[in-house]
Amino acid sequence: MRIPLFPLNIVLFPGQNLPLHIFELRYKAMLNRCLREQIPFGLVLVRESSRVSRGAPHSIGTFARVTAVEEIPEGRCAIPAPHNGNCYQISCFGEQRFRVT
């Protein structure tokens, strides 16, 4: 099974709810695909990273099912980040674990 991966510096456990703020273009595209195809994404913890690059993902992750989406118009987001267009505040629910191959 091929699913989009979202590498983060947090862990999502099965049965846990997690709010996320989506503002990067690639993750907005991932969110749109998950909603359109009604599929989960894989949330994986990244290994320790340096200031130059993001670390590689660990080999175990959790399927995250989007349960709520709030679209925030460009210029109205309270979170200081480099936004390009609208951003999204989402809630997701941890389903089962998976192995990255």
PDB file of N, CA and C in Angstrom:
ATOM      1  N   MET A   1       0.850  -1.175   0.000  1.00  0.00           N
ATOM      2  CA  MET A   1       0.000   0.000   0.000  1.00  0.00           C
ATOM      3  C   MET A   1       0.896   1.238   0.000  1.00  0.00           C
ATOM      4  N   ARG A   2       0.600   2.185  -0.843  1.00  0.00           N
ATOM      5  CA  ARG A   2       1.353   3.435  -0.911  1.00  0.00           C
ATOM      6  C   ARG A   2       0.469   4.563  -0.382  1.00  0.00           C
ATOM      7  N   ILE A   3       0.974   5.242   0.646  1.00  0.00           N
ATOM      8  CA  ILE A   3       0.243   6.367   1.229  1.00  0.00           C
ATOM      9  C   ILE A   3       1.194   7.555   1.357  1.00  0.00           C
ATOM     10  N   PRO A   4       0.663   8.759   1.375  1.00  0.00           N
ATOM     11  CA  PRO A   4       1.531   9.921   1.599  1.00  0.00           C
ATOM     12  C   PRO A   4       2.048   9.919   3.035  1.00  0.00           C
ATOM     13  N   LEU A   5       3.306  10.304   3.201  1.00  0.00           N
ATOM     14  CA  LEU A   5       3.910  10.362   4.531  1.00  0.00           C
ATOM     15  C   LEU A   5       4.090  11.807   4.975  1.00  0.00           C
ATOM     16  N   PHE A   6       3.868  12.014   6.250  1.00  0.00           N
ATOM     17  CA  PHE A   6       4.051  13.323   6.864  1.00  0.00           C
ATOM     18  C   PHE A   6       5.075  13.142   7.984  1.00  0.00           C
ATOM     19  N   PRO A   7       6.354  13.426   7.722  1.00  0.00           N
ATOM     20  CA  PRO A   7       7.372  13.278   8.770  1.00  0.00           C
ATOM     21  C   PRO A   7       7.345  14.481   9.712  1.00  0.00           C
ATOM     22  N   LEU A   8       7.222  14.214  10.997  1.00  0.00           N
ATOM     23  CA  LEU A   8       7.175  15.279  12.007  1.00  0.00           C
ATOM     24  C   LEU A   8       8.045  14.904  13.196  1.00  0.00           C
ATOM     25  N   ASN A   9       8.256  15.840  14.086  1.00  0.00           N
ATOM     26  CA  ASN A   9       9.018  15.562  15.299  1.00  0.00           C
ATOM     27  C   ASN A   9       8.100  15.226  16.473  1.00  0.00           C
ATOM     28  N   ILE A  10       6.965  14.613  16.175  1.00  0.00           N
ATOM     29  CA  ILE A  10       6.028  14.140  17.199  1.00  0.00           C
ATOM     30  C   ILE A  10       5.569  12.735  16.833  1.00  0.00           C
ATOM     31  N   VAL A  11       5.022  12.041  17.809  1.00  0.00           N
ATOM     32  CA  VAL A  11       4.507  10.688  17.603  1.00  0.00           C
ATOM     33  C   VAL A  11       2.997  10.714  17.752  1.00  0.00           C
ATOM     34  N   LEU A  12       2.312  10.025  16.847  1.00  0.00           N
ATOM     35  CA  LEU A  12       0.864   9.829  16.949  1.00  0.00           C
ATOM     36  C   LEU A  12       0.639   8.362  17.270  1.00  0.00           C
ATOM     37  N   PHE A  13      -0.052   8.088  18.354  1.00  0.00           N
ATOM     38  CA  PHE A  13      -0.355   6.719  18.738  1.00  0.00           C
ATOM     39  C   PHE A  13      -1.747   6.336  18.263  1.00  0.00           C
ATOM     40  N   PRO A  14      -1.975   5.056  17.988  1.00  0.00           N
ATOM     41  CA  PRO A  14      -3.334   4.620  17.639  1.00  0.00           C
ATOM     42  C   PRO A  14      -4.316   5.003  18.739  1.00  0.00           C
ATOM     43  N   GLY A  15      -5.479   5.507  18.336  1.00  0.00           N
ATOM     44  CA  GLY A  15      -6.503   5.924  19.282  1.00  0.00           C
ATOM     45  C   GLY A  15      -6.355   7.349  19.776  1.00  0.00           C
ATOM     46  N   GLN A  16      -5.317   8.037  19.366  1.00  0.00           N
ATOM     47  CA  GLN A  16      -5.056   9.399  19.822  1.00  0.00           C
ATOM     48  C   GLN A  16      -5.532  10.412  18.780  1.00  0.00           C
ATOM     49  N   ASN A  17      -6.041  11.554  19.236  1.00  0.00           N
ATOM     50  CA  ASN A  17      -6.383  12.674  18.357  1.00  0.00           C
ATOM     51  C   ASN A  17      -5.221  13.643  18.334  1.00  0.00           C
ATOM     52  N   LEU A  18      -5.019  14.278  17.184  1.00  0.00           N
ATOM     53  CA  LEU A  18      -3.908  15.213  17.051  1.00  0.00           C
ATOM     54  C   LEU A  18      -4.303  16.380  16.157  1.00  0.00           C
ATOM     55  N   PRO A  19      -4.198  17.612  16.670  1.00  0.00           N
ATOM     56  CA  PRO A  19      -4.422  18.779  15.805  1.00  0.00           C
ATOM     57  C   PRO A  19      -3.126  19.110  15.072  1.00  0.00           C
ATOM     58  N   LEU A  20      -3.242  19.507  13.808  1.00  0.00           N
ATOM     59  CA  LEU A  20      -2.076  19.895  13.008  1.00  0.00           C
ATOM     60  C   LEU A  20      -2.386  21.167  12.235  1.00  0.00           C
ATOM     61  N   HIS A  21      -1.355  21.951  12.012  1.00  0.00           N
ATOM     62  CA  HIS A  21      -1.472  23.159  11.202  1.00  0.00           C
ATOM     63  C   HIS A  21      -0.746  22.891   9.887  1.00  0.00           C
ATOM     64  N   ILE A  22      -1.458  22.970   8.772  1.00  0.00           N
ATOM     65  CA  ILE A  22      -0.895  22.660   7.457  1.00  0.00           C
ATOM     66  C   ILE A  22      -0.743  23.963   6.676  1.00  0.00           C
ATOM     67  N   PHE A  23       0.510  24.282   6.301  1.00  0.00           N
ATOM     68  CA  PHE A  23       0.749  25.521   5.556  1.00  0.00           C
ATOM     69  C   PHE A  23       1.709  25.353   4.388  1.00  0.00           C
ATOM     70  N   GLU A  24       2.531  24.290   4.382  1.00  0.00           N
ATOM     71  CA  GLU A  24       3.459  24.073   3.270  1.00  0.00           C
ATOM     72  C   GLU A  24       2.702  23.509   2.069  1.00  0.00           C
ATOM     73  N   LEU A  25       3.101  23.936   0.885  1.00  0.00           N
ATOM     74  CA  LEU A  25       2.404  23.520  -0.341  1.00  0.00           C
ATOM     75  C   LEU A  25       2.329  22.012  -0.492  1.00  0.00           C
ATOM     76  N   ARG A  26       3.418  21.298  -0.246  1.00  0.00           N
ATOM     77  CA  ARG A  26       3.407  19.838  -0.429  1.00  0.00           C
ATOM     78  C   ARG A  26       2.450  19.148   0.533  1.00  0.00           C
ATOM     79  N   TYR A  27       2.306  19.679   1.749  1.00  0.00           N
ATOM     80  CA  TYR A  27       1.394  19.056   2.701  1.00  0.00           C
ATOM     81  C   TYR A  27      -0.050  19.488   2.464  1.00  0.00           C
ATOM     82  N   LYS A  28      -0.241  20.657   1.875  1.00  0.00           N
ATOM     83  CA  LYS A  28      -1.599  21.031   1.453  1.00  0.00           C
ATOM     84  C   LYS A  28      -2.045  20.112   0.317  1.00  0.00           C
ATOM     85  N   ALA A  29      -1.137  19.779  -0.595  1.00  0.00           N
ATOM     86  CA  ALA A  29      -1.455  18.829  -1.676  1.00  0.00           C
ATOM     87  C   ALA A  29      -1.755  17.450  -1.091  1.00  0.00           C
ATOM     88  N   MET A  30      -0.985  17.034  -0.081  1.00  0.00           N
ATOM     89  CA  MET A  30      -1.232  15.750   0.586  1.00  0.00           C
ATOM     90  C   MET A  30      -2.613  15.740   1.226  1.00  0.00           C
ATOM     91  N   LEU A  31      -2.956  16.830   1.919  1.00  0.00           N
ATOM     92  CA  LEU A  31      -4.263  16.933   2.564  1.00  0.00           C
ATOM     93  C   LEU A  31      -5.377  16.840   1.531  1.00  0.00           C
ATOM     94  N   ASN A  32      -5.247  17.575   0.437  1.00  0.00           N
ATOM     95  CA  ASN A  32      -6.269  17.527  -0.616  1.00  0.00           C
ATOM     96  C   ASN A  32      -6.423  16.122  -1.178  1.00  0.00           C
ATOM     97  N   ARG A  33      -5.314  15.419  -1.386  1.00  0.00           N
ATOM     98  CA  ARG A  33      -5.397  14.041  -1.894  1.00  0.00           C
ATOM     99  C   ARG A  33      -6.106  13.135  -0.896  1.00  0.00           C
ATOM    100  N   CYS A  34      -5.749  13.240   0.369  1.00  0.00           N
ATOM    101  CA  CYS A  34      -6.369  12.391   1.393  1.00  0.00           C
ATOM    102  C   CYS A  34      -7.870  12.641   1.474  1.00  0.00           C
ATOM    103  N   LEU A  35      -8.280  13.892   1.388  1.00  0.00           N
ATOM    104  CA  LEU A  35      -9.714  14.206   1.442  1.00  0.00           C
ATOM    105  C   LEU A  35     -10.426  13.732   0.187  1.00  0.00           C
ATOM    106  N   ARG A  36      -9.815  13.966  -0.974  1.00  0.00           N
ATOM    107  CA  ARG A  36     -10.430  13.575  -2.250  1.00  0.00           C
ATOM    108  C   ARG A  36     -10.576  12.051  -2.360  1.00  0.00           C
ATOM    109  N   GLU A  37      -9.526  11.318  -1.981  1.00  0.00           N
ATOM    110  CA  GLU A  37      -9.535   9.857  -2.121  1.00  0.00           C
ATOM    111  C   GLU A  37     -10.020   9.146  -0.859  1.00  0.00           C
ATOM    112  N   GLN A  38     -10.306   9.910   0.178  1.00  0.00           N
ATOM    113  CA  GLN A  38     -10.752   9.366   1.470  1.00  0.00           C
ATOM    114  C   GLN A  38      -9.776   8.322   1.995  1.00  0.00           C
ATOM    115  N   ILE A  39      -8.498   8.691   2.024  1.00  0.00           N
ATOM    116  CA  ILE A  39      -7.442   7.811   2.524  1.00  0.00           C
ATOM    117  C   ILE A  39      -6.730   8.496   3.689  1.00  0.00           C
ATOM    118  N   PRO A  40      -6.101   7.711   4.556  1.00  0.00           N
ATOM    119  CA  PRO A  40      -5.296   8.316   5.622  1.00  0.00           C
ATOM    120  C   PRO A  40      -3.927   8.711   5.073  1.00  0.00           C
ATOM    121  N   PHE A  41      -3.183   9.468   5.864  1.00  0.00           N
ATOM    122  CA  PHE A  41      -1.771   9.689   5.567  1.00  0.00           C
ATOM    123  C   PHE A  41      -0.974   9.018   6.671  1.00  0.00           C
ATOM    124  N   GLY A  42       0.286   8.826   6.428  1.00  0.00           N
ATOM    125  CA  GLY A  42       1.142   8.201   7.431  1.00  0.00           C
ATOM    126  C   GLY A  42       1.946   9.243   8.168  1.00  0.00           C
ATOM    127  N   LEU A  43       1.817   9.282   9.469  1.00  0.00           N
ATOM    128  CA  LEU A  43       2.596  10.202  10.284  1.00  0.00           C
ATOM    129  C   LEU A  43       3.760   9.421  10.869  1.00  0.00           C
ATOM    130  N   VAL A  44       4.986   9.862  10.590  1.00  0.00           N
ATOM    131  CA  VAL A  44       6.183   9.179  11.080  1.00  0.00           C
ATOM    132  C   VAL A  44       7.096  10.163  11.799  1.00  0.00           C
ATOM    133  N   LEU A  45       7.685   9.698  12.864  1.00  0.00           N
ATOM    134  CA  LEU A  45       8.636  10.496  13.624  1.00  0.00           C
ATOM    135  C   LEU A  45       9.936  10.587  12.834  1.00  0.00           C
ATOM    136  N   VAL A  46      10.497  11.788  12.733  1.00  0.00           N
ATOM    137  CA  VAL A  46      11.788  11.942  12.069  1.00  0.00           C
ATOM    138  C   VAL A  46      12.907  11.727  13.071  1.00  0.00           C
ATOM    139  N   ARG A  47      13.984  11.140  12.565  1.00  0.00           N
ATOM    140  CA  ARG A  47      15.169  10.966  13.401  1.00  0.00           C
ATOM    141  C   ARG A  47      15.770  12.345  13.672  1.00  0.00           C
ATOM    142  N   GLU A  48      16.662  12.410  14.623  1.00  0.00           N
ATOM    143  CA  GLU A  48      17.305  13.681  14.949  1.00  0.00           C
ATOM    144  C   GLU A  48      17.864  14.315  13.681  1.00  0.00           C
ATOM    145  N   SER A  49      17.588  15.576  13.508  1.00  0.00           N
ATOM    146  CA  SER A  49      18.031  16.260  12.297  1.00  0.00           C
ATOM    147  C   SER A  49      19.044  17.338  12.632  1.00  0.00           C
ATOM    148  N   SER A  50      19.735  17.770  11.614  1.00  0.00           N
ATOM    149  CA  SER A  50      20.688  18.857  11.794  1.00  0.00           C
ATOM    150  C   SER A  50      20.028  20.156  11.372  1.00  0.00           C
ATOM    151  N   ARG A  51      20.727  21.250  11.496  1.00  0.00           N
ATOM    152  CA  ARG A  51      20.193  22.542  11.077  1.00  0.00           C
ATOM    153  C   ARG A  51      20.133  22.631   9.556  1.00  0.00           C
ATOM    154  N   VAL A  52      20.913  21.785   8.875  1.00  0.00           N
ATOM    155  CA  VAL A  52      20.991  21.837   7.417  1.00  0.00           C
ATOM    156  C   VAL A  52      19.865  21.057   6.755  1.00  0.00           C
ATOM    157  N   SER A  53      19.531  19.888   7.311  1.00  0.00           N
ATOM    158  CA  SER A  53      18.503  19.067   6.673  1.00  0.00           C
ATOM    159  C   SER A  53      17.642  18.370   7.715  1.00  0.00           C
ATOM    160  N   ARG A  54      16.485  17.942   7.264  1.00  0.00           N
ATOM    161  CA  ARG A  54      15.563  17.213   8.118  1.00  0.00           C
ATOM    162  C   ARG A  54      16.022  15.756   8.180  1.00  0.00           C
ATOM    163  N   GLY A  55      15.911  15.135   9.333  1.00  0.00           N
ATOM    164  CA  GLY A  55      16.343  13.759   9.488  1.00  0.00           C
ATOM    165  C   GLY A  55      15.449  12.790   8.728  1.00  0.00           C
ATOM    166  N   ALA A  56      15.930  11.569   8.573  1.00  0.00           N
ATOM    167  CA  ALA A  56      15.172  10.514   7.899  1.00  0.00           C
ATOM    168  C   ALA A  56      14.060  10.022   8.830  1.00  0.00           C
ATOM    169  N   PRO A  57      12.969   9.501   8.261  1.00  0.00           N
ATOM    170  CA  PRO A  57      11.884   9.003   9.119  1.00  0.00           C
ATOM    171  C   PRO A  57      12.241   7.675   9.782  1.00  0.00           C
ATOM    172  N   HIS A  58      11.670   7.436  10.948  1.00  0.00           N
ATOM    173  CA  HIS A  58      11.783   6.128  11.588  1.00  0.00           C
ATOM    174  C   HIS A  58      11.008   5.115  10.753  1.00  0.00           C
ATOM    175  N   SER A  59      11.170   3.847  11.045  1.00  0.00           N
ATOM    176  CA  SER A  59      10.560   2.802  10.214  1.00  0.00           C
ATOM    177  C   SER A  59       9.126   2.446  10.610  1.00  0.00           C
ATOM    178  N   ILE A  60       8.641   2.960  11.729  1.00  0.00           N
ATOM    179  CA  ILE A  60       7.268   2.692  12.169  1.00  0.00           C
ATOM    180  C   ILE A  60       6.517   4.013  12.251  1.00  0.00           C
ATOM    181  N   GLY A  61       5.295   4.030  11.735  1.00  0.00           N
ATOM    182  CA  GLY A  61       4.456   5.214  11.803  1.00  0.00           C
ATOM    183  C   GLY A  61       3.034   4.812  12.133  1.00  0.00           C
ATOM    184  N   THR A  62       2.138   5.769  12.113  1.00  0.00           N
ATOM    185  CA  THR A  62       0.725   5.533  12.400  1.00  0.00           C
ATOM    186  C   THR A  62      -0.119   6.152  11.294  1.00  0.00           C
ATOM    187  N   PHE A  63      -1.120   5.398  10.831  1.00  0.00           N
ATOM    188  CA  PHE A  63      -2.070   5.949   9.876  1.00  0.00           C
ATOM    189  C   PHE A  63      -2.860   7.041  10.583  1.00  0.00           C
ATOM    190  N   ALA A  64      -2.987   8.201   9.948  1.00  0.00           N
ATOM    191  CA  ALA A  64      -3.729   9.332  10.514  1.00  0.00           C
ATOM    192  C   ALA A  64      -4.914   9.636   9.603  1.00  0.00           C
ATOM    193  N   ARG A  65      -6.098   9.557  10.145  1.00  0.00           N
ATOM    194  CA  ARG A  65      -7.325   9.834   9.396  1.00  0.00           C
ATOM    195  C   ARG A  65      -7.782  11.258   9.715  1.00  0.00           C
ATOM    196  N   VAL A  66      -7.984  12.077   8.702  1.00  0.00           N
ATOM    197  CA  VAL A  66      -8.436  13.460   8.898  1.00  0.00           C
ATOM    198  C   VAL A  66      -9.897  13.427   9.343  1.00  0.00           C
ATOM    199  N   THR A  67     -10.186  14.075  10.477  1.00  0.00           N
ATOM    200  CA  THR A  67     -11.547  14.074  11.012  1.00  0.00           C
ATOM    201  C   THR A  67     -12.216  15.445  10.945  1.00  0.00           C
ATOM    202  N   ALA A  68     -11.414  16.505  10.817  1.00  0.00           N
ATOM    203  CA  ALA A  68     -11.971  17.862  10.713  1.00  0.00           C
ATOM    204  C   ALA A  68     -10.967  18.755  10.004  1.00  0.00           C
ATOM    205  N   VAL A  69     -11.495  19.695   9.222  1.00  0.00           N
ATOM    206  CA  VAL A  69     -10.647  20.633   8.480  1.00  0.00           C
ATOM    207  C   VAL A  69     -11.238  22.032   8.594  1.00  0.00           C
ATOM    208  N   GLU A  70     -10.398  22.983   8.953  1.00  0.00           N
ATOM    209  CA  GLU A  70     -10.795  24.391   8.943  1.00  0.00           C
ATOM    210  C   GLU A  70      -9.816  25.128   8.040  1.00  0.00           C
ATOM    211  N   GLU A  71     -10.328  25.718   6.971  1.00  0.00           N
ATOM    212  CA  GLU A  71      -9.490  26.489   6.058  1.00  0.00           C
ATOM    213  C   GLU A  71      -9.390  27.919   6.570  1.00  0.00           C
ATOM    214  N   ILE A  72      -8.176  28.427   6.637  1.00  0.00           N
ATOM    215  CA  ILE A  72      -7.933  29.782   7.131  1.00  0.00           C
ATOM    216  C   ILE A  72      -7.455  30.626   5.954  1.00  0.00           C
ATOM    217  N   PRO A  73      -8.185  31.693   5.626  1.00  0.00           N
ATOM    218  CA  PRO A  73      -7.817  32.529   4.478  1.00  0.00           C
ATOM    219  C   PRO A  73      -6.423  33.137   4.620  1.00  0.00           C
ATOM    220  N   GLU A  74      -5.778  33.334   3.487  1.00  0.00           N
ATOM    221  CA  GLU A  74      -4.447  33.934   3.464  1.00  0.00           C
ATOM    222  C   GLU A  74      -4.444  35.257   4.215  1.00  0.00           C
ATOM    223  N   GLY A  75      -3.416  35.456   5.042  1.00  0.00           N
ATOM    224  CA  GLY A  75      -3.284  36.693   5.808  1.00  0.00           C
ATOM    225  C   GLY A  75      -4.002  36.691   7.141  1.00  0.00           C
ATOM    226  N   ARG A  76      -4.790  35.653   7.439  1.00  0.00           N
ATOM    227  CA  ARG A  76      -5.551  35.630   8.699  1.00  0.00           C
ATOM    228  C   ARG A  76      -5.029  34.599   9.696  1.00  0.00           C
ATOM    229  N   CYS A  77      -3.970  33.903   9.338  1.00  0.00           N
ATOM    230  CA  CYS A  77      -3.437  32.874  10.235  1.00  0.00           C
ATOM    231  C   CYS A  77      -2.664  33.525  11.374  1.00  0.00           C
ATOM    232  N   ALA A  78      -2.898  33.054  12.584  1.00  0.00           N
ATOM    233  CA  ALA A  78      -2.229  33.595  13.764  1.00  0.00           C
ATOM    234  C   ALA A  78      -0.873  32.942  14.008  1.00  0.00           C
ATOM    235  N   ILE A  79      -0.567  31.873  13.279  1.00  0.00           N
ATOM    236  CA  ILE A  79       0.683  31.153  13.487  1.00  0.00           C
ATOM    237  C   ILE A  79       1.757  31.742  12.574  1.00  0.00           C
ATOM    238  N   PRO A  80       2.864  32.197  13.144  1.00  0.00           N
ATOM    239  CA  PRO A  80       3.918  32.784  12.313  1.00  0.00           C
ATOM    240  C   PRO A  80       4.686  31.697  11.560  1.00  0.00           C
ATOM    241  N   ALA A  81       4.446  31.598  10.290  1.00  0.00           N
ATOM    242  CA  ALA A  81       5.129  30.629   9.429  1.00  0.00           C
ATOM    243  C   ALA A  81       5.073  31.181   8.012  1.00  0.00           C
ATOM    244  N   PRO A  82       5.966  30.727   7.151  1.00  0.00           N
ATOM    245  CA  PRO A  82       5.945  31.212   5.762  1.00  0.00           C
ATOM    246  C   PRO A  82       4.795  30.598   4.970  1.00  0.00           C
ATOM    247  N   HIS A  83       3.671  31.284   4.932  1.00  0.00           N
ATOM    248  CA  HIS A  83       2.478  30.784   4.259  1.00  0.00           C
ATOM    249  C   HIS A  83       2.459  31.204   2.787  1.00  0.00           C
ATOM    250  N   ASN A  84       1.964  30.334   1.959  1.00  0.00           N
ATOM    251  CA  ASN A  84       1.688  30.632   0.552  1.00  0.00           C
ATOM    252  C   ASN A  84       0.230  30.320   0.314  1.00  0.00           C
ATOM    253  N   GLY A  85      -0.624  31.319   0.366  1.00  0.00           N
ATOM    254  CA  GLY A  85      -2.052  31.086   0.207  1.00  0.00           C
ATOM    255  C   GLY A  85      -2.692  30.701   1.523  1.00  0.00           C
ATOM    256  N   ASN A  86      -3.843  30.054   1.429  1.00  0.00           N
ATOM    257  CA  ASN A  86      -4.585  29.627   2.612  1.00  0.00           C
ATOM    258  C   ASN A  86      -3.813  28.560   3.373  1.00  0.00           C
ATOM    259  N   CYS A  87      -4.124  28.424   4.649  1.00  0.00           N
ATOM    260  CA  CYS A  87      -3.574  27.333   5.450  1.00  0.00           C
ATOM    261  C   CYS A  87      -4.751  26.582   6.067  1.00  0.00           C
ATOM    262  N   TYR A  88      -4.451  25.491   6.737  1.00  0.00           N
ATOM    263  CA  TYR A  88      -5.501  24.614   7.267  1.00  0.00           C
ATOM    264  C   TYR A  88      -5.172  24.204   8.689  1.00  0.00           C
ATOM    265  N   GLN A  89      -6.180  24.233   9.529  1.00  0.00           N
ATOM    266  CA  GLN A  89      -6.100  23.653  10.863  1.00  0.00           C
ATOM    267  C   GLN A  89      -6.894  22.362  10.777  1.00  0.00           C
ATOM    268  N   ILE A  90      -6.228  21.225  10.993  1.00  0.00           N
ATOM    269  CA  ILE A  90      -6.926  19.946  10.874  1.00  0.00           C
ATOM    270  C   ILE A  90      -6.855  19.176  12.183  1.00  0.00           C
ATOM    271  N   SER A  91      -7.769  18.239  12.331  1.00  0.00           N
ATOM    272  CA  SER A  91      -7.717  17.256  13.405  1.00  0.00           C
ATOM    273  C   SER A  91      -7.592  15.905  12.729  1.00  0.00           C
ATOM    274  N   CYS A  92      -6.770  15.053  13.300  1.00  0.00           N
ATOM    275  CA  CYS A  92      -6.661  13.705  12.753  1.00  0.00           C
ATOM    276  C   CYS A  92      -6.684  12.704  13.901  1.00  0.00           C
ATOM    277  N   PHE A  93      -7.010  11.474  13.550  1.00  0.00           N
ATOM    278  CA  PHE A  93      -7.158  10.394  14.518  1.00  0.00           C
ATOM    279  C   PHE A  93      -6.195   9.278  14.151  1.00  0.00           C
ATOM    280  N   GLY A  94      -5.425   8.833  15.112  1.00  0.00           N
ATOM    281  CA  GLY A  94      -4.471   7.744  14.897  1.00  0.00           C
ATOM    282  C   GLY A  94      -5.177   6.409  14.774  1.00  0.00           C
ATOM    283  N   GLU A  95      -4.953   5.738  13.661  1.00  0.00           N
ATOM    284  CA  GLU A  95      -5.542   4.414  13.445  1.00  0.00           C
ATOM    285  C   GLU A  95      -4.498   3.356  13.794  1.00  0.00           C
ATOM    286  N   GLN A  96      -4.124   2.519  12.891  1.00  0.00           N
ATOM    287  CA  GLN A  96      -3.168   1.453  13.200  1.00  0.00           C
ATOM    288  C   GLN A  96      -1.759   1.844  12.815  1.00  0.00           C
ATOM    289  N   ARG A  97      -0.786   1.146  13.372  1.00  0.00           N
ATOM    290  CA  ARG A  97       0.615   1.378  13.035  1.00  0.00           C
ATOM    291  C   ARG A  97       0.945   0.725  11.703  1.00  0.00           C
ATOM    292  N   PHE A  98       2.013   1.193  11.075  1.00  0.00           N
ATOM    293  CA  PHE A  98       2.495   0.589   9.832  1.00  0.00           C
ATOM    294  C   PHE A  98       4.022   0.651   9.817  1.00  0.00           C
ATOM    295  N   ARG A  99       4.599  -0.121   8.918  1.00  0.00           N
ATOM    296  CA  ARG A  99       6.061  -0.137   8.746  1.00  0.00           C
ATOM    297  C   ARG A  99       6.389   0.516   7.407  1.00  0.00           C
ATOM    298  N   VAL A 100       7.362   1.417   7.420  1.00  0.00           N
ATOM    299  CA  VAL A 100       7.846   2.065   6.206  1.00  0.00           C
ATOM    300  C   VAL A 100       8.799   1.090   5.508  1.00  0.00           C
ATOM    301  N   THR A 101       8.537   0.829   4.234  1.00  0.00           N
ATOM    302  CA  THR A 101       9.421  -0.070   3.481  1.00  0.00           C
ATOM    303  C   THR A 101      10.020   0.639   2.295  1.00  0.00           C
TER     304      THR A 101
END
